[in-house]
């Protein structure tokens, strides 16, 4: 499993752009990598986890702090358990 963890700035983007940015970045990451999307659109708290369920990635957590919404996910692949 990868120890890679990165943060993706999706601030000031409105639906559906945060999900699109996450999707584009996940395609470049190895299975096991962890990605935290930092958003200002509250819809990201539902949209990104829904996209993860559809595509088999694991949501590790969500946070809300001072108008910022964070969704952390683990990229899964053929050899990574969901």
C-alpha atoms as a PDB file:
ATOM      1  CA  UNK A   1       0.000   0.000   0.000  1.00  0.00           C
ATOM      2  CA  UNK A   2       1.240   3.493  -0.833  1.00  0.00           C
ATOM      3  CA  UNK A   3       2.177   6.043   1.832  1.00  0.00           C
ATOM      4  CA  UNK A   4       1.526   8.875  -0.621  1.00  0.00           C
ATOM      5  CA  UNK A   5      -0.828  11.572   0.708  1.00  0.00           C
ATOM      6  CA  UNK A   6      -1.581  14.804  -1.061  1.00  0.00           C
ATOM      7  CA  UNK A   7      -3.971  17.714  -0.836  1.00  0.00           C
ATOM      8  CA  UNK A   8      -5.995  19.030  -3.764  1.00  0.00           C
ATOM      9  CA  UNK A   9      -7.183  22.646  -3.611  1.00  0.00           C
ATOM     10  CA  UNK A  10     -10.739  22.869  -4.924  1.00  0.00           C
ATOM     11  CA  UNK A  11     -11.463  26.196  -3.242  1.00  0.00           C
ATOM     12  CA  UNK A  12     -13.834  28.578  -4.998  1.00  0.00           C
ATOM     13  CA  UNK A  13     -15.031  25.840  -7.370  1.00  0.00           C
ATOM     14  CA  UNK A  14     -18.725  25.024  -7.622  1.00  0.00           C
ATOM     15  CA  UNK A  15     -20.420  21.741  -8.473  1.00  0.00           C
ATOM     16  CA  UNK A  16     -19.485  19.732 -10.458  1.00  0.00           C
ATOM     17  CA  UNK A  17     -15.903  21.035 -10.648  1.00  0.00           C
ATOM     18  CA  UNK A  18     -14.639  19.682  -7.275  1.00  0.00           C
ATOM     19  CA  UNK A  19     -15.672  16.149  -8.271  1.00  0.00           C
ATOM     20  CA  UNK A  20     -14.137  16.542 -11.727  1.00  0.00           C
ATOM     21  CA  UNK A  21     -10.849  17.754 -10.231  1.00  0.00           C
ATOM     22  CA  UNK A  22     -10.822  14.834  -7.775  1.00  0.00           C
ATOM     23  CA  UNK A  23     -11.549  12.370 -10.580  1.00  0.00           C
ATOM     24  CA  UNK A  24      -8.757  13.790 -12.749  1.00  0.00           C
ATOM     25  CA  UNK A  25      -6.245  13.616  -9.881  1.00  0.00           C
ATOM     26  CA  UNK A  26      -7.255  10.124  -8.750  1.00  0.00           C
ATOM     27  CA  UNK A  27      -6.588   8.843 -12.284  1.00  0.00           C
ATOM     28  CA  UNK A  28      -2.939   9.888 -11.817  1.00  0.00           C
ATOM     29  CA  UNK A  29      -2.464   8.336  -8.368  1.00  0.00           C
ATOM     30  CA  UNK A  30      -1.355   4.834  -7.454  1.00  0.00           C
ATOM     31  CA  UNK A  31      -3.701   2.498  -5.570  1.00  0.00           C
ATOM     32  CA  UNK A  32      -3.354   3.086  -1.842  1.00  0.00           C
ATOM     33  CA  UNK A  33      -2.638   6.797  -2.213  1.00  0.00           C
ATOM     34  CA  UNK A  34      -4.590   9.181   0.006  1.00  0.00           C
ATOM     35  CA  UNK A  35      -6.070  12.399  -1.357  1.00  0.00           C
ATOM     36  CA  UNK A  36      -7.654  15.222   0.627  1.00  0.00           C
ATOM     37  CA  UNK A  37      -9.849  17.591  -1.363  1.00  0.00           C
ATOM     38  CA  UNK A  38     -10.208  21.030   0.213  1.00  0.00           C
ATOM     39  CA  UNK A  39     -13.422  22.678  -0.989  1.00  0.00           C
ATOM     40  CA  UNK A  40     -15.542  25.739  -0.286  1.00  0.00           C
ATOM     41  CA  UNK A  41     -18.684  24.270  -1.902  1.00  0.00           C
ATOM     42  CA  UNK A  42     -20.664  22.447   0.824  1.00  0.00           C
ATOM     43  CA  UNK A  43     -22.100  20.090  -1.799  1.00  0.00           C
ATOM     44  CA  UNK A  44     -18.685  18.441  -2.021  1.00  0.00           C
ATOM     45  CA  UNK A  45     -19.447  16.652   1.263  1.00  0.00           C
ATOM     46  CA  UNK A  46     -22.106  14.623  -0.572  1.00  0.00           C
ATOM     47  CA  UNK A  47     -20.804  14.700  -4.147  1.00  0.00           C
ATOM     48  CA  UNK A  48     -17.267  13.394  -3.624  1.00  0.00           C
ATOM     49  CA  UNK A  49     -18.304  10.490  -1.333  1.00  0.00           C
ATOM     50  CA  UNK A  50     -21.035   9.533  -3.854  1.00  0.00           C
ATOM     51  CA  UNK A  51     -18.436   9.530  -6.646  1.00  0.00           C
ATOM     52  CA  UNK A  52     -16.157   7.377  -4.449  1.00  0.00           C
ATOM     53  CA  UNK A  53     -18.934   4.801  -3.867  1.00  0.00           C
ATOM     54  CA  UNK A  54     -19.668   4.585  -7.591  1.00  0.00           C
ATOM     55  CA  UNK A  55     -15.987   4.206  -8.489  1.00  0.00           C
ATOM     56  CA  UNK A  56     -14.889   1.921  -5.637  1.00  0.00           C
ATOM     57  CA  UNK A  57     -12.700   4.348  -3.670  1.00  0.00           C
ATOM     58  CA  UNK A  58     -12.801   4.606   0.119  1.00  0.00           C
ATOM     59  CA  UNK A  59     -13.791   7.770   1.980  1.00  0.00           C
ATOM     60  CA  UNK A  60     -11.581   8.002   5.059  1.00  0.00           C
ATOM     61  CA  UNK A  61     -13.274  11.046   6.512  1.00  0.00           C
ATOM     62  CA  UNK A  62     -14.919  14.414   6.075  1.00  0.00           C
ATOM     63  CA  UNK A  63     -14.346  17.646   7.995  1.00  0.00           C
ATOM     64  CA  UNK A  64     -15.965  21.050   8.169  1.00  0.00           C
ATOM     65  CA  UNK A  65     -13.956  23.938   9.565  1.00  0.00           C
ATOM     66  CA  UNK A  66     -14.348  27.700   9.066  1.00  0.00           C
ATOM     67  CA  UNK A  67     -16.205  27.450   5.756  1.00  0.00           C
ATOM     68  CA  UNK A  68     -13.849  24.814   4.406  1.00  0.00           C
ATOM     69  CA  UNK A  69     -15.006  21.306   3.545  1.00  0.00           C
ATOM     70  CA  UNK A  70     -12.451  18.488   3.412  1.00  0.00           C
ATOM     71  CA  UNK A  71     -12.985  15.020   2.032  1.00  0.00           C
ATOM     72  CA  UNK A  72     -10.172  12.495   2.441  1.00  0.00           C
ATOM     73  CA  UNK A  73     -10.203   9.346   0.341  1.00  0.00           C
ATOM     74  CA  UNK A  74      -8.032   6.330  -0.379  1.00  0.00           C
ATOM     75  CA  UNK A  75      -7.541   5.389  -4.004  1.00  0.00           C
ATOM     76  CA  UNK A  76      -8.373   1.736  -4.534  1.00  0.00           C
ATOM     77  CA  UNK A  77      -7.360  -0.478  -7.397  1.00  0.00           C
ATOM     78  CA  UNK A  78      -7.376  -4.101  -8.419  1.00  0.00           C
ATOM     79  CA  UNK A  79      -4.869  -4.987  -5.666  1.00  0.00           C
ATOM     80  CA  UNK A  80      -6.150  -2.595  -2.976  1.00  0.00           C
ATOM     81  CA  UNK A  81      -9.070  -3.627  -0.774  1.00  0.00           C
ATOM     82  CA  UNK A  82     -11.903  -1.108  -0.609  1.00  0.00           C
END
